[in-house]
Amino acid sequence: MKLLSKESIIFYSILGAFAGFVVAPFIRSLIDYSFTIEILITTAVILPLYYFAKKFFLILKTKYFA
């Protein structure tokens, strides 16, 4: 997937909105640490989310839309 393609921009925009408005607040509500530690833990969850979502999207794209 090219970084600046139309599909890539739409995909990362939707994934970023989901991560920013759903995943991150949920994770931060579960833990009660300092702000810095909360950001590190949240980042440690969201970055793999991007990786696996991209792999899943590419599998779907090649299997069903090729």
PDB file of N, CA and C in Angstrom:
ATOM      1  N   MET A   1       0.857  -1.165   0.000  1.00  0.00           N
ATOM      2  CA  MET A   1       0.000   0.000   0.000  1.00  0.00           C
ATOM      3  C   MET A   1       0.906   1.231   0.000  1.00  0.00           C
ATOM      4  N   LYS A   2       0.711   2.093  -0.958  1.00  0.00           N
ATOM      5  CA  LYS A   2       1.501   3.324  -1.014  1.00  0.00           C
ATOM      6  C   LYS A   2       1.041   4.284   0.076  1.00  0.00           C
ATOM      7  N   LEU A   3       1.992   4.996   0.652  1.00  0.00           N
ATOM      8  CA  LEU A   3       1.699   5.829   1.811  1.00  0.00           C
ATOM      9  C   LEU A   3       0.743   6.976   1.488  1.00  0.00           C
ATOM     10  N   LEU A   4       0.887   7.597   0.337  1.00  0.00           N
ATOM     11  CA  LEU A   4       0.051   8.754   0.011  1.00  0.00           C
ATOM     12  C   LEU A   4      -1.053   8.437  -0.996  1.00  0.00           C
ATOM     13  N   SER A   5      -1.402   7.167  -1.121  1.00  0.00           N
ATOM     14  CA  SER A   5      -2.499   6.821  -2.018  1.00  0.00           C
ATOM     15  C   SER A   5      -3.832   7.168  -1.355  1.00  0.00           C
ATOM     16  N   LYS A   6      -4.865   7.219  -2.157  1.00  0.00           N
ATOM     17  CA  LYS A   6      -6.196   7.556  -1.644  1.00  0.00           C
ATOM     18  C   LYS A   6      -6.659   6.525  -0.611  1.00  0.00           C
ATOM     19  N   GLU A   7      -6.433   5.238  -0.907  1.00  0.00           N
ATOM     20  CA  GLU A   7      -6.826   4.175   0.025  1.00  0.00           C
ATOM     21  C   GLU A   7      -6.089   4.294   1.352  1.00  0.00           C
ATOM     22  N   SER A   8      -4.808   4.575   1.277  1.00  0.00           N
ATOM     23  CA  SER A   8      -3.990   4.670   2.483  1.00  0.00           C
ATOM     24  C   SER A   8      -4.421   5.834   3.362  1.00  0.00           C
ATOM     25  N   ILE A   9      -4.694   6.964   2.765  1.00  0.00           N
ATOM     26  CA  ILE A   9      -5.105   8.141   3.531  1.00  0.00           C
ATOM     27  C   ILE A   9      -6.450   7.889   4.217  1.00  0.00           C
ATOM     28  N   ILE A  10      -7.394   7.291   3.505  1.00  0.00           N
ATOM     29  CA  ILE A  10      -8.699   6.984   4.092  1.00  0.00           C
ATOM     30  C   ILE A  10      -8.554   5.945   5.204  1.00  0.00           C
ATOM     31  N   PHE A  11      -7.773   4.897   4.947  1.00  0.00           N
ATOM     32  CA  PHE A  11      -7.574   3.830   5.923  1.00  0.00           C
ATOM     33  C   PHE A  11      -6.970   4.361   7.217  1.00  0.00           C
ATOM     34  N   TYR A  12      -5.894   5.131   7.112  1.00  0.00           N
ATOM     35  CA  TYR A  12      -5.235   5.639   8.313  1.00  0.00           C
ATOM     36  C   TYR A  12      -6.063   6.723   9.009  1.00  0.00           C
ATOM     37  N   SER A  13      -6.869   7.446   8.280  1.00  0.00           N
ATOM     38  CA  SER A  13      -7.751   8.431   8.913  1.00  0.00           C
ATOM     39  C   SER A  13      -8.818   7.747   9.762  1.00  0.00           C
ATOM     40  N   ILE A  14      -9.433   6.715   9.211  1.00  0.00           N
ATOM     41  CA  ILE A  14     -10.452   5.979   9.962  1.00  0.00           C
ATOM     42  C   ILE A  14      -9.829   5.263  11.158  1.00  0.00           C
ATOM     43  N   LEU A  15      -8.693   4.630  10.939  1.00  0.00           N
ATOM     44  CA  LEU A  15      -8.026   3.922  12.029  1.00  0.00           C
ATOM     45  C   LEU A  15      -7.551   4.884  13.112  1.00  0.00           C
ATOM     46  N   GLY A  16      -7.065   6.045  12.719  1.00  0.00           N
ATOM     47  CA  GLY A  16      -6.633   7.042  13.694  1.00  0.00           C
ATOM     48  C   GLY A  16      -7.787   7.579  14.515  1.00  0.00           C
ATOM     49  N   ALA A  17      -8.922   7.806  13.873  1.00  0.00           N
ATOM     50  CA  ALA A  17     -10.100   8.277  14.609  1.00  0.00           C
ATOM     51  C   ALA A  17     -10.576   7.216  15.596  1.00  0.00           C
ATOM     52  N   PHE A  18     -10.589   5.970  15.162  1.00  0.00           N
ATOM     53  CA  PHE A  18     -10.988   4.879  16.052  1.00  0.00           C
ATOM     54  C   PHE A  18     -10.028   4.756  17.235  1.00  0.00           C
ATOM     55  N   ALA A  19      -8.736   4.809  16.947  1.00  0.00           N
ATOM     56  CA  ALA A  19      -7.737   4.685  18.023  1.00  0.00           C
ATOM     57  C   ALA A  19      -7.795   5.880  18.964  1.00  0.00           C
ATOM     58  N   GLY A  20      -7.984   7.062  18.427  1.00  0.00           N
ATOM     59  CA  GLY A  20      -7.969   8.262  19.252  1.00  0.00           C
ATOM     60  C   GLY A  20      -9.217   8.486  20.081  1.00  0.00           C
ATOM     61  N   PHE A  21     -10.369   8.086  19.553  1.00  0.00           N
ATOM     62  CA  PHE A  21     -11.624   8.360  20.253  1.00  0.00           C
ATOM     63  C   PHE A  21     -12.217   7.156  20.977  1.00  0.00           C
ATOM     64  N   VAL A  22     -11.748   5.950  20.667  1.00  0.00           N
ATOM     65  CA  VAL A  22     -12.301   4.758  21.308  1.00  0.00           C
ATOM     66  C   VAL A  22     -11.243   4.016  22.125  1.00  0.00           C
ATOM     67  N   VAL A  23     -10.160   3.623  21.475  1.00  0.00           N
ATOM     68  CA  VAL A  23      -9.166   2.769  22.129  1.00  0.00           C
ATOM     69  C   VAL A  23      -8.395   3.511  23.213  1.00  0.00           C
ATOM     70  N   ALA A  24      -7.839   4.662  22.882  1.00  0.00           N
ATOM     71  CA  ALA A  24      -7.006   5.395  23.849  1.00  0.00           C
ATOM     72  C   ALA A  24      -7.776   5.806  25.109  1.00  0.00           C
ATOM     73  N   PRO A  25      -8.963   6.400  24.999  1.00  0.00           N
ATOM     74  CA  PRO A  25      -9.690   6.737  26.235  1.00  0.00           C
ATOM     75  C   PRO A  25     -10.067   5.505  27.063  1.00  0.00           C
ATOM     76  N   PHE A  26     -10.388   4.406  26.381  1.00  0.00           N
ATOM     77  CA  PHE A  26     -10.722   3.182  27.114  1.00  0.00           C
ATOM     78  C   PHE A  26      -9.520   2.674  27.908  1.00  0.00           C
ATOM     79  N   ILE A  27      -8.357   2.633  27.276  1.00  0.00           N
ATOM     80  CA  ILE A  27      -7.149   2.164  27.968  1.00  0.00           C
ATOM     81  C   ILE A  27      -6.800   3.094  29.117  1.00  0.00           C
ATOM     82  N   ARG A  28      -6.866   4.388  28.880  1.00  0.00           N
ATOM     83  CA  ARG A  28      -6.503   5.342  29.930  1.00  0.00           C
ATOM     84  C   ARG A  28      -7.490   5.317  31.086  1.00  0.00           C
ATOM     85  N   SER A  29      -8.736   4.930  30.831  1.00  0.00           N
ATOM     86  CA  SER A  29      -9.704   4.842  31.932  1.00  0.00           C
ATOM     87  C   SER A  29      -9.463   3.614  32.808  1.00  0.00           C
ATOM     88  N   LEU A  30      -8.790   2.606  32.267  1.00  0.00           N
ATOM     89  CA  LEU A  30      -8.520   1.392  33.029  1.00  0.00           C
ATOM     90  C   LEU A  30      -7.345   1.536  33.988  1.00  0.00           C
ATOM     91  N   ILE A  31      -6.427   2.438  33.682  1.00  0.00           N
ATOM     92  CA  ILE A  31      -5.221   2.569  34.500  1.00  0.00           C
ATOM     93  C   ILE A  31      -5.188   3.932  35.176  1.00  0.00           C
ATOM     94  N   ASP A  32      -4.505   3.982  36.304  1.00  0.00           N
ATOM     95  CA  ASP A  32      -4.420   5.235  37.056  1.00  0.00           C
ATOM     96  C   ASP A  32      -2.956   5.516  37.399  1.00  0.00           C
ATOM     97  N   TYR A  33      -2.172   5.796  36.365  1.00  0.00           N
ATOM     98  CA  TYR A  33      -0.764   6.124  36.540  1.00  0.00           C
ATOM     99  C   TYR A  33      -0.556   7.587  36.182  1.00  0.00           C
ATOM    100  N   SER A  34       0.693   8.000  36.184  1.00  0.00           N
ATOM    101  CA  SER A  34       0.998   9.363  35.754  1.00  0.00           C
ATOM    102  C   SER A  34       0.721   9.479  34.254  1.00  0.00           C
ATOM    103  N   PHE A  35       0.580  10.700  33.795  1.00  0.00           N
ATOM    104  CA  PHE A  35       0.244  10.954  32.392  1.00  0.00           C
ATOM    105  C   PHE A  35       1.272  10.330  31.450  1.00  0.00           C
ATOM    106  N   THR A  36       2.552  10.437  31.779  1.00  0.00           N
ATOM    107  CA  THR A  36       3.615   9.908  30.914  1.00  0.00           C
ATOM    108  C   THR A  36       3.512   8.392  30.785  1.00  0.00           C
ATOM    109  N   ILE A  37       3.295   7.706  31.877  1.00  0.00           N
ATOM    110  CA  ILE A  37       3.174   6.245  31.845  1.00  0.00           C
ATOM    111  C   ILE A  37       1.921   5.827  31.078  1.00  0.00           C
ATOM    112  N   GLU A  38       0.831   6.553  31.253  1.00  0.00           N
ATOM    113  CA  GLU A  38      -0.395   6.247  30.509  1.00  0.00           C
ATOM    114  C   GLU A  38      -0.175   6.386  29.009  1.00  0.00           C
ATOM    115  N   ILE A  39       0.520   7.431  28.595  1.00  0.00           N
ATOM    116  CA  ILE A  39       0.800   7.630  27.168  1.00  0.00           C
ATOM    117  C   ILE A  39       1.677   6.507  26.632  1.00  0.00           C
ATOM    118  N   LEU A  40       2.690   6.089  27.378  1.00  0.00           N
ATOM    119  CA  LEU A  40       3.564   4.996  26.938  1.00  0.00           C
ATOM    120  C   LEU A  40       2.795   3.685  26.798  1.00  0.00           C
ATOM    121  N   ILE A  41       1.951   3.368  27.757  1.00  0.00           N
ATOM    122  CA  ILE A  41       1.166   2.134  27.691  1.00  0.00           C
ATOM    123  C   ILE A  41       0.166   2.195  26.542  1.00  0.00           C
ATOM    124  N   THR A  42      -0.499   3.314  26.384  1.00  0.00           N
ATOM    125  CA  THR A  42      -1.459   3.475  25.295  1.00  0.00           C
ATOM    126  C   THR A  42      -0.775   3.354  23.938  1.00  0.00           C
ATOM    127  N   THR A  43       0.393   3.959  23.801  1.00  0.00           N
ATOM    128  CA  THR A  43       1.153   3.862  22.554  1.00  0.00           C
ATOM    129  C   THR A  43       1.582   2.429  22.290  1.00  0.00           C
ATOM    130  N   ALA A  44       1.955   1.711  23.328  1.00  0.00           N
ATOM    131  CA  ALA A  44       2.361   0.316  23.169  1.00  0.00           C
ATOM    132  C   ALA A  44       1.212  -0.566  22.690  1.00  0.00           C
ATOM    133  N   VAL A  45      -0.011  -0.141  22.873  1.00  0.00           N
ATOM    134  CA  VAL A  45      -1.163  -0.896  22.385  1.00  0.00           C
ATOM    135  C   VAL A  45      -1.580  -0.415  20.998  1.00  0.00           C
ATOM    136  N   ILE A  46      -1.546   0.886  20.766  1.00  0.00           N
ATOM    137  CA  ILE A  46      -2.052   1.440  19.506  1.00  0.00           C
ATOM    138  C   ILE A  46      -1.116   1.159  18.330  1.00  0.00           C
ATOM    139  N   LEU A  47       0.183   1.206  18.515  1.00  0.00           N
ATOM    140  CA  LEU A  47       1.101   0.940  17.403  1.00  0.00           C
ATOM    141  C   LEU A  47       0.941  -0.478  16.839  1.00  0.00           C
ATOM    142  N   PRO A  48       0.872  -1.524  17.666  1.00  0.00           N
ATOM    143  CA  PRO A  48       0.588  -2.845  17.088  1.00  0.00           C
ATOM    144  C   PRO A  48      -0.789  -2.928  16.432  1.00  0.00           C
ATOM    145  N   LEU A  49      -1.744  -2.153  16.941  1.00  0.00           N
ATOM    146  CA  LEU A  49      -3.068  -2.109  16.323  1.00  0.00           C
ATOM    147  C   LEU A  49      -2.959  -1.661  14.864  1.00  0.00           C
ATOM    148  N   TYR A  50      -2.159  -0.636  14.603  1.00  0.00           N
ATOM    149  CA  TYR A  50      -1.945  -0.170  13.240  1.00  0.00           C
ATOM    150  C   TYR A  50      -1.306  -1.264  12.389  1.00  0.00           C
ATOM    151  N   TYR A  51      -0.312  -1.948  12.938  1.00  0.00           N
ATOM    152  CA  TYR A  51       0.401  -2.991  12.202  1.00  0.00           C
ATOM    153  C   TYR A  51      -0.550  -4.117  11.791  1.00  0.00           C
ATOM    154  N   PHE A  52      -1.308  -4.638  12.751  1.00  0.00           N
ATOM    155  CA  PHE A  52      -2.196  -5.755  12.451  1.00  0.00           C
ATOM    156  C   PHE A  52      -3.389  -5.335  11.593  1.00  0.00           C
ATOM    157  N   ALA A  53      -3.870  -4.131  11.760  1.00  0.00           N
ATOM    158  CA  ALA A  53      -4.964  -3.651  10.913  1.00  0.00           C
ATOM    159  C   ALA A  53      -4.506  -3.515   9.463  1.00  0.00           C
ATOM    160  N   LYS A  54      -3.276  -3.061   9.264  1.00  0.00           N
ATOM    161  CA  LYS A  54      -2.745  -2.939   7.899  1.00  0.00           C
ATOM    162  C   LYS A  54      -2.589  -4.319   7.268  1.00  0.00           C
ATOM    163  N   LYS A  55      -2.067  -5.287   8.016  1.00  0.00           N
ATOM    164  CA  LYS A  55      -1.934  -6.647   7.491  1.00  0.00           C
ATOM    165  C   LYS A  55      -3.311  -7.220   7.141  1.00  0.00           C
ATOM    166  N   PHE A  56      -4.287  -7.013   8.012  1.00  0.00           N
ATOM    167  CA  PHE A  56      -5.636  -7.504   7.776  1.00  0.00           C
ATOM    168  C   PHE A  56      -6.247  -6.853   6.538  1.00  0.00           C
ATOM    169  N   PHE A  57      -6.058  -5.539   6.397  1.00  0.00           N
ATOM    170  CA  PHE A  57      -6.583  -4.820   5.241  1.00  0.00           C
ATOM    171  C   PHE A  57      -5.954  -5.332   3.947  1.00  0.00           C
ATOM    172  N   LEU A  58      -4.651  -5.577   3.959  1.00  0.00           N
ATOM    173  CA  LEU A  58      -3.983  -6.073   2.759  1.00  0.00           C
ATOM    174  C   LEU A  58      -4.449  -7.481   2.400  1.00  0.00           C
ATOM    175  N   ILE A  59      -4.696  -8.315   3.395  1.00  0.00           N
ATOM    176  CA  ILE A  59      -5.211  -9.658   3.124  1.00  0.00           C
ATOM    177  C   ILE A  59      -6.601  -9.576   2.508  1.00  0.00           C
ATOM    178  N   LEU A  60      -7.458  -8.737   3.074  1.00  0.00           N
ATOM    179  CA  LEU A  60      -8.797  -8.566   2.507  1.00  0.00           C
ATOM    180  C   LEU A  60      -8.741  -8.020   1.089  1.00  0.00           C
ATOM    181  N   LYS A  61      -7.866  -7.064   0.884  1.00  0.00           N
ATOM    182  CA  LYS A  61      -7.761  -6.430  -0.429  1.00  0.00           C
ATOM    183  C   LYS A  61      -7.313  -7.433  -1.483  1.00  0.00           C
ATOM    184  N   THR A  62      -6.304  -8.245  -1.178  1.00  0.00           N
ATOM    185  CA  THR A  62      -5.807  -9.197  -2.167  1.00  0.00           C
ATOM    186  C   THR A  62      -6.757 -10.375  -2.354  1.00  0.00           C
ATOM    187  N   LYS A  63      -7.480 -10.750  -1.315  1.00  0.00           N
ATOM    188  CA  LYS A  63      -8.352 -11.916  -1.407  1.00  0.00           C
ATOM    189  C   LYS A  63      -9.684 -11.603  -2.082  1.00  0.00           C
ATOM    190  N   TYR A  64     -10.268 -10.467  -1.777  1.00  0.00           N
ATOM    191  CA  TYR A  64     -11.616 -10.180  -2.250  1.00  0.00           C
ATOM    192  C   TYR A  64     -11.714  -9.097  -3.323  1.00  0.00           C
ATOM    193  N   PHE A  65     -10.726  -8.227  -3.419  1.00  0.00           N
ATOM    194  CA  PHE A  65     -10.839  -7.104  -4.353  1.00  0.00           C
ATOM    195  C   PHE A  65      -9.800  -7.132  -5.455  1.00  0.00           C
ATOM    196  N   ALA A  66      -9.137  -8.244  -5.648  1.00  0.00           N
ATOM    197  CA  ALA A  66      -8.098  -8.305  -6.681  1.00  0.00           C
ATOM    198  C   ALA A  66      -8.646  -8.865  -7.970  1.00  0.00           C
TER     199      ALA A  66
END
